[in-house]
Amino acid sequence: MKFWTGIFCTLILAPADSAFAYLDPGTGSMLLQVILGGIAAVGVAVKLYWHKLRVAIGMGRKVDDPEDPDESGNR
């Protein structure tokens, strides 16, 4: 659904006439901060959920603890 919304918005805005607007140098700095902040947020999210992500894609492994009485059958 988001894909089609993006396509729709692009097609609606594509034929627009050029806007004669002034963009000051601070605008580029702000855009750079937004991009770098997004990259940092993705990095932190991956770091926080790394174990869950590995298990979800099948790369995680179950660690067997020989000291655990529930799994060895000895109580």
PDB file of N, CA and C in Angstrom:
ATOM      1  N   MET A   1       0.829  -1.191   0.000  1.00  0.00           N
ATOM      2  CA  MET A   1       0.000   0.000   0.000  1.00  0.00           C
ATOM      3  C   MET A   1       0.873   1.255   0.000  1.00  0.00           C
ATOM      4  N   LYS A   2       1.952   1.224   0.779  1.00  0.00           N
ATOM      5  CA  LYS A   2       2.823   2.392   0.818  1.00  0.00           C
ATOM      6  C   LYS A   2       3.494   2.629  -0.536  1.00  0.00           C
ATOM      7  N   PHE A   3       3.794   1.527  -1.215  1.00  0.00           N
ATOM      8  CA  PHE A   3       4.424   1.650  -2.525  1.00  0.00           C
ATOM      9  C   PHE A   3       3.519   2.413  -3.484  1.00  0.00           C
ATOM     10  N   TRP A   4       2.250   2.020  -3.514  1.00  0.00           N
ATOM     11  CA  TRP A   4       1.315   2.674  -4.431  1.00  0.00           C
ATOM     12  C   TRP A   4       1.042   4.113  -4.023  1.00  0.00           C
ATOM     13  N   THR A   5       1.059   4.393  -2.730  1.00  0.00           N
ATOM     14  CA  THR A   5       0.894   5.772  -2.272  1.00  0.00           C
ATOM     15  C   THR A   5       2.071   6.623  -2.738  1.00  0.00           C
ATOM     16  N   GLY A   6       3.277   6.066  -2.654  1.00  0.00           N
ATOM     17  CA  GLY A   6       4.465   6.788  -3.122  1.00  0.00           C
ATOM     18  C   GLY A   6       4.427   7.053  -4.609  1.00  0.00           C
ATOM     19  N   ILE A   7       4.013   6.045  -5.354  1.00  0.00           N
ATOM     20  CA  ILE A   7       3.894   6.215  -6.813  1.00  0.00           C
ATOM     21  C   ILE A   7       2.853   7.283  -7.135  1.00  0.00           C
ATOM     22  N   PHE A   8       1.719   7.230  -6.436  1.00  0.00           N
ATOM     23  CA  PHE A   8       0.655   8.203  -6.673  1.00  0.00           C
ATOM     24  C   PHE A   8       1.140   9.626  -6.381  1.00  0.00           C
ATOM     25  N   CYS A   9       1.809   9.808  -5.251  1.00  0.00           N
ATOM     26  CA  CYS A   9       2.304  11.148  -4.894  1.00  0.00           C
ATOM     27  C   CYS A   9       3.346  11.635  -5.898  1.00  0.00           C
ATOM     28  N   THR A  10       4.195  10.733  -6.357  1.00  0.00           N
ATOM     29  CA  THR A  10       5.199  11.119  -7.343  1.00  0.00           C
ATOM     30  C   THR A  10       4.547  11.565  -8.642  1.00  0.00           C
ATOM     31  N   LEU A  11       3.544  10.829  -9.075  1.00  0.00           N
ATOM     32  CA  LEU A  11       2.868  11.196 -10.318  1.00  0.00           C
ATOM     33  C   LEU A  11       2.079  12.489 -10.188  1.00  0.00           C
ATOM     34  N   ILE A  12       1.555  12.752  -9.010  1.00  0.00           N
ATOM     35  CA  ILE A  12       0.813  13.995  -8.797  1.00  0.00           C
ATOM     36  C   ILE A  12       1.759  15.191  -8.773  1.00  0.00           C
ATOM     37  N   LEU A  13       2.924  15.031  -8.141  1.00  0.00           N
ATOM     38  CA  LEU A  13       3.844  16.154  -7.987  1.00  0.00           C
ATOM     39  C   LEU A  13       4.799  16.336  -9.167  1.00  0.00           C
ATOM     40  N   ALA A  14       4.943  15.337 -10.021  1.00  0.00           N
ATOM     41  CA  ALA A  14       5.899  15.410 -11.126  1.00  0.00           C
ATOM     42  C   ALA A  14       5.593  16.544 -12.112  1.00  0.00           C
ATOM     43  N   PRO A  15       4.357  16.750 -12.515  1.00  0.00           N
ATOM     44  CA  PRO A  15       4.121  17.800 -13.510  1.00  0.00           C
ATOM     45  C   PRO A  15       4.065  19.218 -12.917  1.00  0.00           C
ATOM     46  N   ALA A  16       4.362  19.378 -11.654  1.00  0.00           N
ATOM     47  CA  ALA A  16       4.276  20.699 -11.028  1.00  0.00           C
ATOM     48  C   ALA A  16       5.314  21.641 -11.639  1.00  0.00           C
ATOM     49  N   ASP A  17       4.942  22.897 -11.755  1.00  0.00           N
ATOM     50  CA  ASP A  17       5.879  23.906 -12.241  1.00  0.00           C
ATOM     51  C   ASP A  17       6.972  24.121 -11.207  1.00  0.00           C
ATOM     52  N   SER A  18       8.082  24.635 -11.660  1.00  0.00           N
ATOM     53  CA  SER A  18       9.188  24.864 -10.737  1.00  0.00           C
ATOM     54  C   SER A  18       8.839  26.008  -9.781  1.00  0.00           C
ATOM     55  N   ALA A  19       9.184  25.813  -8.544  1.00  0.00           N
ATOM     56  CA  ALA A  19       8.943  26.835  -7.529  1.00  0.00           C
ATOM     57  C   ALA A  19      10.215  27.667  -7.390  1.00  0.00           C
ATOM     58  N   PHE A  20      10.077  28.945  -7.479  1.00  0.00           N
ATOM     59  CA  PHE A  20      11.222  29.828  -7.338  1.00  0.00           C
ATOM     60  C   PHE A  20      11.376  30.169  -5.866  1.00  0.00           C
ATOM     61  N   ALA A  21      11.942  29.211  -5.125  1.00  0.00           N
ATOM     62  CA  ALA A  21      12.081  29.367  -3.687  1.00  0.00           C
ATOM     63  C   ALA A  21      13.560  29.448  -3.332  1.00  0.00           C
ATOM     64  N   TYR A  22      13.830  30.082  -2.224  1.00  0.00           N
ATOM     65  CA  TYR A  22      15.197  30.224  -1.744  1.00  0.00           C
ATOM     66  C   TYR A  22      15.455  29.187  -0.666  1.00  0.00           C
ATOM     67  N   LEU A  23      16.508  28.407  -0.828  1.00  0.00           N
ATOM     68  CA  LEU A  23      16.928  27.459   0.197  1.00  0.00           C
ATOM     69  C   LEU A  23      18.259  27.935   0.753  1.00  0.00           C
ATOM     70  N   ASP A  24      18.275  28.278   2.028  1.00  0.00           N
ATOM     71  CA  ASP A  24      19.504  28.772   2.624  1.00  0.00           C
ATOM     72  C   ASP A  24      20.439  27.609   2.955  1.00  0.00           C
ATOM     73  N   PRO A  25      21.696  27.907   3.280  1.00  0.00           N
ATOM     74  CA  PRO A  25      22.666  26.840   3.548  1.00  0.00           C
ATOM     75  C   PRO A  25      22.285  25.948   4.728  1.00  0.00           C
ATOM     76  N   GLY A  26      21.490  26.442   5.646  1.00  0.00           N
ATOM     77  CA  GLY A  26      21.074  25.640   6.784  1.00  0.00           C
ATOM     78  C   GLY A  26      20.175  24.477   6.391  1.00  0.00           C
ATOM     79  N   THR A  27      19.528  24.566   5.250  1.00  0.00           N
ATOM     80  CA  THR A  27      18.644  23.500   4.795  1.00  0.00           C
ATOM     81  C   THR A  27      19.433  22.236   4.484  1.00  0.00           C
ATOM     82  N   GLY A  28      20.554  22.373   3.826  1.00  0.00           N
ATOM     83  CA  GLY A  28      21.397  21.210   3.530  1.00  0.00           C
ATOM     84  C   GLY A  28      21.928  20.572   4.793  1.00  0.00           C
ATOM     85  N   SER A  29      22.294  21.396   5.758  1.00  0.00           N
ATOM     86  CA  SER A  29      22.761  20.873   7.041  1.00  0.00           C
ATOM     87  C   SER A  29      21.660  20.116   7.750  1.00  0.00           C
ATOM     88  N   MET A  30      20.447  20.627   7.704  1.00  0.00           N
ATOM     89  CA  MET A  30      19.326  19.965   8.344  1.00  0.00           C
ATOM     90  C   MET A  30      19.037  18.625   7.672  1.00  0.00           C
ATOM     91  N   LEU A  31      19.053  18.587   6.349  1.00  0.00           N
ATOM     92  CA  LEU A  31      18.828  17.336   5.628  1.00  0.00           C
ATOM     93  C   LEU A  31      19.909  16.306   5.948  1.00  0.00           C
ATOM     94  N   LEU A  32      21.147  16.752   6.052  1.00  0.00           N
ATOM     95  CA  LEU A  32      22.237  15.844   6.412  1.00  0.00           C
ATOM     96  C   LEU A  32      22.034  15.278   7.815  1.00  0.00           C
ATOM     97  N   GLN A  33      21.600  16.104   8.759  1.00  0.00           N
ATOM     98  CA  GLN A  33      21.334  15.637  10.118  1.00  0.00           C
ATOM     99  C   GLN A  33      20.197  14.617  10.140  1.00  0.00           C
ATOM    100  N   VAL A  34      19.162  14.831   9.346  1.00  0.00           N
ATOM    101  CA  VAL A  34      18.043  13.883   9.295  1.00  0.00           C
ATOM    102  C   VAL A  34      18.513  12.541   8.745  1.00  0.00           C
ATOM    103  N   ILE A  35      19.306  12.572   7.693  1.00  0.00           N
ATOM    104  CA  ILE A  35      19.798  11.325   7.096  1.00  0.00           C
ATOM    105  C   ILE A  35      20.716  10.588   8.064  1.00  0.00           C
ATOM    106  N   LEU A  36      21.657  11.288   8.664  1.00  0.00           N
ATOM    107  CA  LEU A  36      22.578  10.642   9.607  1.00  0.00           C
ATOM    108  C   LEU A  36      21.852  10.157  10.859  1.00  0.00           C
ATOM    109  N   GLY A  37      20.857  10.894  11.319  1.00  0.00           N
ATOM    110  CA  GLY A  37      20.059  10.459  12.458  1.00  0.00           C
ATOM    111  C   GLY A  37      19.276   9.198  12.154  1.00  0.00           C
ATOM    112  N   GLY A  38      18.739   9.108  10.943  1.00  0.00           N
ATOM    113  CA  GLY A  38      18.029   7.889  10.532  1.00  0.00           C
ATOM    114  C   GLY A  38      18.953   6.692  10.480  1.00  0.00           C
ATOM    115  N   ILE A  39      20.156   6.881   9.955  1.00  0.00           N
ATOM    116  CA  ILE A  39      21.136   5.793   9.908  1.00  0.00           C
ATOM    117  C   ILE A  39      21.517   5.366  11.313  1.00  0.00           C
ATOM    118  N   ALA A  40      21.713   6.321  12.217  1.00  0.00           N
ATOM    119  CA  ALA A  40      22.048   5.990  13.606  1.00  0.00           C
ATOM    120  C   ALA A  40      20.897   5.256  14.286  1.00  0.00           C
ATOM    121  N   ALA A  41      19.672   5.668  14.026  1.00  0.00           N
ATOM    122  CA  ALA A  41      18.517   5.006  14.636  1.00  0.00           C
ATOM    123  C   ALA A  41      18.395   3.563  14.155  1.00  0.00           C
ATOM    124  N   VAL A  42      18.618   3.326  12.880  1.00  0.00           N
ATOM    125  CA  VAL A  42      18.575   1.956  12.361  1.00  0.00           C
ATOM    126  C   VAL A  42      19.688   1.124  12.997  1.00  0.00           C
ATOM    127  N   GLY A  43      20.859   1.698  13.143  1.00  0.00           N
ATOM    128  CA  GLY A  43      21.972   0.987  13.774  1.00  0.00           C
ATOM    129  C   GLY A  43      21.681   0.610  15.211  1.00  0.00           C
ATOM    130  N   VAL A  44      21.091   1.510  15.967  1.00  0.00           N
ATOM    131  CA  VAL A  44      20.747   1.224  17.362  1.00  0.00           C
ATOM    132  C   VAL A  44      19.655   0.164  17.443  1.00  0.00           C
ATOM    133  N   ALA A  45      18.666   0.247  16.571  1.00  0.00           N
ATOM    134  CA  ALA A  45      17.590  -0.750  16.567  1.00  0.00           C
ATOM    135  C   ALA A  45      18.133  -2.134  16.247  1.00  0.00           C
ATOM    136  N   VAL A  46      19.041  -2.223  15.284  1.00  0.00           N
ATOM    137  CA  VAL A  46      19.639  -3.516  14.945  1.00  0.00           C
ATOM    138  C   VAL A  46      20.454  -4.040  16.115  1.00  0.00           C
ATOM    139  N   LYS A  47      21.195  -3.164  16.768  1.00  0.00           N
ATOM    140  CA  LYS A  47      22.007  -3.592  17.910  1.00  0.00           C
ATOM    141  C   LYS A  47      21.134  -4.094  19.052  1.00  0.00           C
ATOM    142  N   LEU A  48      20.020  -3.434  19.312  1.00  0.00           N
ATOM    143  CA  LEU A  48      19.146  -3.838  20.409  1.00  0.00           C
ATOM    144  C   LEU A  48      18.461  -5.170  20.133  1.00  0.00           C
ATOM    145  N   TYR A  49      18.103  -5.419  18.893  1.00  0.00           N
ATOM    146  CA  TYR A  49      17.346  -6.615  18.555  1.00  0.00           C
ATOM    147  C   TYR A  49      18.163  -7.619  17.746  1.00  0.00           C
ATOM    148  N   TRP A  50      19.477  -7.595  17.836  1.00  0.00           N
ATOM    149  CA  TRP A  50      20.340  -8.440  17.032  1.00  0.00           C
ATOM    150  C   TRP A  50      20.053  -9.928  17.265  1.00  0.00           C
ATOM    151  N   HIS A  51      19.946 -10.336  18.512  1.00  0.00           N
ATOM    152  CA  HIS A  51      19.701 -11.750  18.812  1.00  0.00           C
ATOM    153  C   HIS A  51      18.347 -12.196  18.250  1.00  0.00           C
ATOM    154  N   LYS A  52      17.332 -11.403  18.435  1.00  0.00           N
ATOM    155  CA  LYS A  52      16.009 -11.760  17.914  1.00  0.00           C
ATOM    156  C   LYS A  52      16.008 -11.816  16.394  1.00  0.00           C
ATOM    157  N   LEU A  53      16.743 -10.921  15.752  1.00  0.00           N
ATOM    158  CA  LEU A  53      16.832 -10.939  14.297  1.00  0.00           C
ATOM    159  C   LEU A  53      17.530 -12.200  13.800  1.00  0.00           C
ATOM    160  N   ARG A  54      18.602 -12.616  14.477  1.00  0.00           N
ATOM    161  CA  ARG A  54      19.315 -13.820  14.064  1.00  0.00           C
ATOM    162  C   ARG A  54      18.447 -15.055  14.216  1.00  0.00           C
ATOM    163  N   VAL A  55      17.706 -15.127  15.314  1.00  0.00           N
ATOM    164  CA  VAL A  55      16.828 -16.273  15.521  1.00  0.00           C
ATOM    165  C   VAL A  55      15.706 -16.266  14.481  1.00  0.00           C
ATOM    166  N   ALA A  56      15.189 -15.095  14.156  1.00  0.00           N
ATOM    167  CA  ALA A  56      14.085 -14.989  13.199  1.00  0.00           C
ATOM    168  C   ALA A  56      14.496 -15.445  11.800  1.00  0.00           C
ATOM    169  N   ILE A  57      15.722 -15.179  11.398  1.00  0.00           N
ATOM    170  CA  ILE A  57      16.156 -15.581  10.060  1.00  0.00           C
ATOM    171  C   ILE A  57      16.846 -16.936  10.071  1.00  0.00           C
ATOM    172  N   GLY A  58      16.881 -17.587  11.227  1.00  0.00           N
ATOM    173  CA  GLY A  58      17.400 -18.946  11.305  1.00  0.00           C
ATOM    174  C   GLY A  58      18.888 -19.056  11.499  1.00  0.00           C
ATOM    175  N   MET A  59      19.555 -17.982  11.808  1.00  0.00           N
ATOM    176  CA  MET A  59      20.998 -18.042  12.029  1.00  0.00           C
ATOM    177  C   MET A  59      21.351 -18.245  13.496  1.00  0.00           C
ATOM    178  N   GLY A  60      20.372 -18.057  14.366  1.00  0.00           N
ATOM    179  CA  GLY A  60      20.633 -18.220  15.790  1.00  0.00           C
ATOM    180  C   GLY A  60      20.721 -19.690  16.145  1.00  0.00           C
ATOM    181  N   ARG A  61      21.398 -19.985  17.225  1.00  0.00           N
ATOM    182  CA  ARG A  61      21.502 -21.369  17.654  1.00  0.00           C
ATOM    183  C   ARG A  61      21.103 -21.457  19.115  1.00  0.00           C
ATOM    184  N   LYS A  62      20.568 -22.571  19.464  1.00  0.00           N
ATOM    185  CA  LYS A  62      20.160 -22.804  20.835  1.00  0.00           C
ATOM    186  C   LYS A  62      21.367 -23.322  21.606  1.00  0.00           C
ATOM    187  N   VAL A  63      21.655 -22.693  22.722  1.00  0.00           N
ATOM    188  CA  VAL A  63      22.784 -23.100  23.544  1.00  0.00           C
ATOM    189  C   VAL A  63      22.289 -24.113  24.564  1.00  0.00           C
ATOM    190  N   ASP A  64      22.854 -25.331  24.534  1.00  0.00           N
ATOM    191  CA  ASP A  64      22.483 -26.368  25.491  1.00  0.00           C
ATOM    192  C   ASP A  64      23.360 -26.234  26.725  1.00  0.00           C
ATOM    193  N   ASP A  65      22.722 -26.179  27.881  1.00  0.00           N
ATOM    194  CA  ASP A  65      23.436 -26.056  29.141  1.00  0.00           C
ATOM    195  C   ASP A  65      23.424 -27.419  29.829  1.00  0.00           C
ATOM    196  N   PRO A  66      24.570 -28.097  29.960  1.00  0.00           N
ATOM    197  CA  PRO A  66      24.585 -29.418  30.581  1.00  0.00           C
ATOM    198  C   PRO A  66      24.247 -29.378  32.069  1.00  0.00           C
ATOM    199  N   GLU A  67      24.312 -28.226  32.693  1.00  0.00           N
ATOM    200  CA  GLU A  67      24.022 -28.085  34.116  1.00  0.00           C
ATOM    201  C   GLU A  67      22.531 -27.938  34.387  1.00  0.00           C
ATOM    202  N   ASP A  68      21.728 -27.722  33.342  1.00  0.00           N
ATOM    203  CA  ASP A  68      20.304 -27.486  33.516  1.00  0.00           C
ATOM    204  C   ASP A  68      19.587 -28.805  33.803  1.00  0.00           C
ATOM    205  N   PRO A  69      18.983 -28.960  35.006  1.00  0.00           N
ATOM    206  CA  PRO A  69      18.339 -30.231  35.361  1.00  0.00           C
ATOM    207  C   PRO A  69      17.058 -30.501  34.562  1.00  0.00           C
ATOM    208  N   ASP A  70      16.412 -29.470  34.038  1.00  0.00           N
ATOM    209  CA  ASP A  70      15.174 -29.672  33.297  1.00  0.00           C
ATOM    210  C   ASP A  70      15.424 -30.389  31.969  1.00  0.00           C
ATOM    211  N   GLU A  71      16.535 -30.103  31.303  1.00  0.00           N
ATOM    212  CA  GLU A  71      16.797 -30.686  30.003  1.00  0.00           C
ATOM    213  C   GLU A  71      17.547 -32.006  30.094  1.00  0.00           C
ATOM    214  N   SER A  72      18.307 -32.245  31.146  1.00  0.00           N
ATOM    215  CA  SER A  72      19.082 -33.474  31.220  1.00  0.00           C
ATOM    216  C   SER A  72      18.267 -34.646  31.757  1.00  0.00           C
ATOM    217  N   GLY A  73      17.147 -34.376  32.399  1.00  0.00           N
ATOM    218  CA  GLY A  73      16.312 -35.440  32.940  1.00  0.00           C
ATOM    219  C   GLY A  73      16.704 -35.842  34.337  1.00  0.00           C
ATOM    220  N   ASN A  74      17.829 -35.387  34.841  1.00  0.00           N
ATOM    221  CA  ASN A  74      18.270 -35.710  36.209  1.00  0.00           C
ATOM    222  C   ASN A  74      17.790 -34.632  37.172  1.00  0.00           C
ATOM    223  N   ARG A  75      17.070 -35.038  38.198  1.00  0.00           N
ATOM    224  CA  ARG A  75      16.584 -34.044  39.164  1.00  0.00           C
ATOM    225  C   ARG A  75      17.173 -34.287  40.509  1.00  0.00           C
TER     226      ARG A  75
END
